[in-house]
Amino acid sequence: MTTKFDHILKQVSQDVIENIPAISSQKKHRSKYNIACWIRFNSAIDTEIQLELRAQDQQQIQAIVIDSIKSTGTQQILLSGQASILCQGKIQSMQLVLTSKEQKLNYEIDEAFIQKAVERPPMKQPARHLYQVA
């Protein structure tokens, strides 16, 4: 079994989490988030790296793998994707976490982006006009 080490990138603020105010602690619901993170390493790395979103609801802590990369001599990476979380009650906390086999990673976060995904209704088909030729 290989040991993985956690590197907390960002604690997600409550205004991004956007809990539904009237949600009951017994009700299950799904929340979706768009996530992207640019990371720059101070030296080239050669290891597998994963970006996870960890969310704690009223029942458990969930870890959702957003993206992963096997880095070979890379100094800058973009990890991105969408997380879909089935939660019970309100989400109490969330954080973006980088996991790797390396205990010490020398990196800087160029940008860490997370937003609640907006569910858009399907587009309506354009009206078809019938023209009568005289």
C-alpha atoms as a PDB file:
ATOM      1  CA  MET A   1       0.000   0.000   0.000  1.00  0.00           C
ATOM      2  CA  THR A   2       1.383   3.378  -1.013  1.00  0.00           C
ATOM      3  CA  THR A   3       1.124   6.295   1.383  1.00  0.00           C
ATOM      4  CA  LYS A   4      -0.355   9.501   0.009  1.00  0.00           C
ATOM      5  CA  PHE A   5       0.234  12.885   1.547  1.00  0.00           C
ATOM      6  CA  ASP A   6      -2.290  15.726   1.665  1.00  0.00           C
ATOM      7  CA  HIS A   7      -1.456  19.323   0.864  1.00  0.00           C
ATOM      8  CA  ILE A   8      -4.396  21.633   1.627  1.00  0.00           C
ATOM      9  CA  LEU A   9      -4.618  24.238  -1.128  1.00  0.00           C
ATOM     10  CA  LYS A  10      -7.677  26.225  -0.155  1.00  0.00           C
ATOM     11  CA  GLN A  11     -10.481  26.318   2.386  1.00  0.00           C
ATOM     12  CA  VAL A  12     -13.668  27.029   0.418  1.00  0.00           C
ATOM     13  CA  SER A  13     -15.672  29.958   1.796  1.00  0.00           C
ATOM     14  CA  GLN A  14     -19.315  29.585   2.793  1.00  0.00           C
ATOM     15  CA  ASP A  15     -20.492  32.051   0.137  1.00  0.00           C
ATOM     16  CA  VAL A  16     -19.192  29.657  -2.560  1.00  0.00           C
ATOM     17  CA  ILE A  17     -20.797  26.629  -0.901  1.00  0.00           C
ATOM     18  CA  GLU A  18     -24.215  28.336  -1.073  1.00  0.00           C
ATOM     19  CA  ASN A  19     -26.217  26.090   1.206  1.00  0.00           C
ATOM     20  CA  ILE A  20     -29.956  26.140   0.708  1.00  0.00           C
ATOM     21  CA  PRO A  21     -31.233  27.972   3.828  1.00  0.00           C
ATOM     22  CA  ALA A  22     -34.273  25.785   4.438  1.00  0.00           C
ATOM     23  CA  ILE A  23     -32.570  22.420   3.939  1.00  0.00           C
ATOM     24  CA  SER A  24     -33.309  19.859   6.624  1.00  0.00           C
ATOM     25  CA  SER A  25     -30.539  17.839   8.259  1.00  0.00           C
ATOM     26  CA  GLN A  26     -32.278  14.665   7.059  1.00  0.00           C
ATOM     27  CA  LYS A  27     -32.730  15.689   3.417  1.00  0.00           C
ATOM     28  CA  LYS A  28     -30.309  14.477   0.733  1.00  0.00           C
ATOM     29  CA  HIS A  29     -29.493  16.745  -2.175  1.00  0.00           C
ATOM     30  CA  ARG A  30     -26.865  17.031  -4.902  1.00  0.00           C
ATOM     31  CA  SER A  31     -24.505  19.986  -5.318  1.00  0.00           C
ATOM     32  CA  LYS A  32     -22.198  20.466  -8.301  1.00  0.00           C
ATOM     33  CA  TYR A  33     -19.060  22.609  -8.463  1.00  0.00           C
ATOM     34  CA  ASN A  34     -16.715  23.669 -11.265  1.00  0.00           C
ATOM     35  CA  ILE A  35     -13.084  23.581 -10.147  1.00  0.00           C
ATOM     36  CA  ALA A  36      -9.747  24.601 -11.672  1.00  0.00           C
ATOM     37  CA  CYS A  37      -6.317  25.012 -10.119  1.00  0.00           C
ATOM     38  CA  TRP A  38      -3.040  26.197 -11.678  1.00  0.00           C
ATOM     39  CA  ILE A  39      -0.046  25.007  -9.654  1.00  0.00           C
ATOM     40  CA  ARG A  40       3.580  25.942 -10.256  1.00  0.00           C
ATOM     41  CA  PHE A  41       6.346  23.805  -8.772  1.00  0.00           C
ATOM     42  CA  ASN A  42       9.661  25.405  -7.850  1.00  0.00           C
ATOM     43  CA  SER A  43      11.484  22.406  -9.282  1.00  0.00           C
ATOM     44  CA  ALA A  44      10.526  19.703 -11.781  1.00  0.00           C
ATOM     45  CA  ILE A  45       8.574  16.859 -10.181  1.00  0.00           C
ATOM     46  CA  ASP A  46       8.123  13.246 -11.150  1.00  0.00           C
ATOM     47  CA  THR A  47       5.094  11.888  -9.300  1.00  0.00           C
ATOM     48  CA  GLU A  48       1.347  11.362  -9.570  1.00  0.00           C
ATOM     49  CA  ILE A  49      -0.725  14.256  -8.280  1.00  0.00           C
ATOM     50  CA  GLN A  50      -4.459  14.400  -7.638  1.00  0.00           C
ATOM     51  CA  LEU A  51      -6.748  17.332  -6.965  1.00  0.00           C
ATOM     52  CA  GLU A  52      -9.583  16.450  -4.574  1.00  0.00           C
ATOM     53  CA  LEU A  53     -12.568  18.317  -3.219  1.00  0.00           C
ATOM     54  CA  ARG A  54     -13.339  17.298   0.353  1.00  0.00           C
ATOM     55  CA  ALA A  55     -16.742  18.165   1.717  1.00  0.00           C
ATOM     56  CA  GLN A  56     -18.165  17.550   5.161  1.00  0.00           C
ATOM     57  CA  ASP A  57     -21.918  17.383   5.459  1.00  0.00           C
ATOM     58  CA  GLN A  58     -23.947  16.489   8.529  1.00  0.00           C
ATOM     59  CA  GLN A  59     -23.184  12.789   8.134  1.00  0.00           C
ATOM     60  CA  GLN A  60     -19.693  12.255   6.658  1.00  0.00           C
ATOM     61  CA  ILE A  61     -16.624  13.627   4.915  1.00  0.00           C
ATOM     62  CA  GLN A  62     -16.490  12.883   1.184  1.00  0.00           C
ATOM     63  CA  ALA A  63     -13.419  13.100  -1.042  1.00  0.00           C
ATOM     64  CA  ILE A  64     -14.093  13.546  -4.751  1.00  0.00           C
ATOM     65  CA  VAL A  65     -11.170  13.258  -7.173  1.00  0.00           C
ATOM     66  CA  ILE A  66     -11.416  16.170  -9.597  1.00  0.00           C
ATOM     67  CA  ASP A  67      -8.384  15.491 -11.787  1.00  0.00           C
ATOM     68  CA  SER A  68      -5.056  13.675 -11.679  1.00  0.00           C
ATOM     69  CA  ILE A  69      -1.807  13.774 -13.597  1.00  0.00           C
ATOM     70  CA  LYS A  70       1.341  11.691 -13.724  1.00  0.00           C
ATOM     71  CA  SER A  71       3.895  14.448 -13.843  1.00  0.00           C
ATOM     72  CA  THR A  72       7.227  13.753 -15.516  1.00  0.00           C
ATOM     73  CA  GLY A  73       9.541  16.696 -15.193  1.00  0.00           C
ATOM     74  CA  THR A  74       6.706  19.229 -15.166  1.00  0.00           C
ATOM     75  CA  GLN A  75       6.894  22.542 -13.367  1.00  0.00           C
ATOM     76  CA  GLN A  76       3.386  23.853 -14.008  1.00  0.00           C
ATOM     77  CA  ILE A  77       0.076  21.970 -14.167  1.00  0.00           C
ATOM     78  CA  LEU A  78      -3.611  22.697 -14.544  1.00  0.00           C
ATOM     79  CA  LEU A  79      -6.002  20.370 -12.760  1.00  0.00           C
ATOM     80  CA  SER A  80      -9.701  20.908 -13.449  1.00  0.00           C
ATOM     81  CA  GLY A  81     -13.087  19.252 -13.547  1.00  0.00           C
ATOM     82  CA  GLN A  82     -16.508  19.130 -11.948  1.00  0.00           C
ATOM     83  CA  ALA A  83     -17.471  17.648  -8.592  1.00  0.00           C
ATOM     84  CA  SER A  84     -20.919  16.275  -7.884  1.00  0.00           C
ATOM     85  CA  ILE A  85     -21.604  15.760  -4.192  1.00  0.00           C
ATOM     86  CA  LEU A  86     -24.578  13.893  -2.739  1.00  0.00           C
ATOM     87  CA  CYS A  87     -24.919  15.427   0.713  1.00  0.00           C
ATOM     88  CA  GLN A  88     -27.193  15.027   3.662  1.00  0.00           C
ATOM     89  CA  GLY A  89     -28.239  18.346   5.151  1.00  0.00           C
ATOM     90  CA  LYS A  90     -26.037  21.386   4.821  1.00  0.00           C
ATOM     91  CA  ILE A  91     -22.409  21.247   3.729  1.00  0.00           C
ATOM     92  CA  GLN A  92     -20.458  22.369   6.774  1.00  0.00           C
ATOM     93  CA  SER A  93     -17.018  22.781   5.195  1.00  0.00           C
ATOM     94  CA  MET A  94     -15.113  22.213   1.958  1.00  0.00           C
ATOM     95  CA  GLN A  95     -11.486  22.301   0.940  1.00  0.00           C
ATOM     96  CA  LEU A  96      -9.345  21.749  -2.128  1.00  0.00           C
ATOM     97  CA  VAL A  97      -6.581  19.229  -1.450  1.00  0.00           C
ATOM     98  CA  LEU A  98      -3.576  18.161  -3.499  1.00  0.00           C
ATOM     99  CA  THR A  99      -2.514  14.560  -2.837  1.00  0.00           C
ATOM    100  CA  SER A 100       0.756  12.944  -3.857  1.00  0.00           C
ATOM    101  CA  LYS A 101       3.283  10.302  -2.837  1.00  0.00           C
ATOM    102  CA  GLU A 102       5.727  13.097  -2.018  1.00  0.00           C
ATOM    103  CA  GLN A 103       5.571  14.320   1.556  1.00  0.00           C
ATOM    104  CA  LYS A 104       7.139  17.657   0.695  1.00  0.00           C
ATOM    105  CA  LEU A 105       6.133  19.500  -2.439  1.00  0.00           C
ATOM    106  CA  ASN A 106       7.585  22.933  -3.084  1.00  0.00           C
ATOM    107  CA  TYR A 107       4.803  24.711  -4.987  1.00  0.00           C
ATOM    108  CA  GLU A 108       2.861  27.924  -5.405  1.00  0.00           C
ATOM    109  CA  ILE A 109      -0.787  28.235  -6.334  1.00  0.00           C
ATOM    110  CA  ASP A 110      -1.126  30.551  -9.309  1.00  0.00           C
ATOM    111  CA  GLU A 111      -4.919  30.346  -9.181  1.00  0.00           C
ATOM    112  CA  ALA A 112      -7.511  28.191  -7.436  1.00  0.00           C
ATOM    113  CA  PHE A 113     -11.048  28.543  -8.745  1.00  0.00           C
ATOM    114  CA  ILE A 114     -14.246  26.977  -7.445  1.00  0.00           C
ATOM    115  CA  GLN A 115     -17.828  27.953  -8.161  1.00  0.00           C
ATOM    116  CA  LYS A 116     -21.214  26.358  -7.824  1.00  0.00           C
ATOM    117  CA  ALA A 117     -22.222  24.877 -11.186  1.00  0.00           C
ATOM    118  CA  VAL A 118     -25.335  26.474 -12.620  1.00  0.00           C
ATOM    119  CA  GLU A 119     -27.949  24.099 -13.934  1.00  0.00           C
ATOM    120  CA  ARG A 120     -29.185  25.558 -17.187  1.00  0.00           C
ATOM    121  CA  PRO A 121     -32.458  24.482 -18.757  1.00  0.00           C
ATOM    122  CA  PRO A 122     -32.148  22.911 -22.195  1.00  0.00           C
ATOM    123  CA  MET A 123     -32.290  25.352 -25.087  1.00  0.00           C
ATOM    124  CA  LYS A 124     -35.608  25.699 -26.812  1.00  0.00           C
ATOM    125  CA  GLN A 125     -35.787  24.769 -30.451  1.00  0.00           C
ATOM    126  CA  PRO A 126     -36.269  27.779 -32.714  1.00  0.00           C
ATOM    127  CA  ALA A 127     -39.789  28.217 -34.000  1.00  0.00           C
ATOM    128  CA  ARG A 128     -40.315  26.898 -37.479  1.00  0.00           C
ATOM    129  CA  HIS A 129     -42.071  29.239 -39.797  1.00  0.00           C
ATOM    130  CA  LEU A 130     -44.169  27.956 -42.641  1.00  0.00           C
ATOM    131  CA  TYR A 131     -44.203  30.161 -45.665  1.00  0.00           C
ATOM    132  CA  GLN A 132     -46.821  29.898 -48.343  1.00  0.00           C
ATOM    133  CA  VAL A 133     -45.650  30.663 -51.843  1.00  0.00           C
ATOM    134  CA  ALA A 134     -48.316  32.257 -54.038  1.00  0.00           C
END
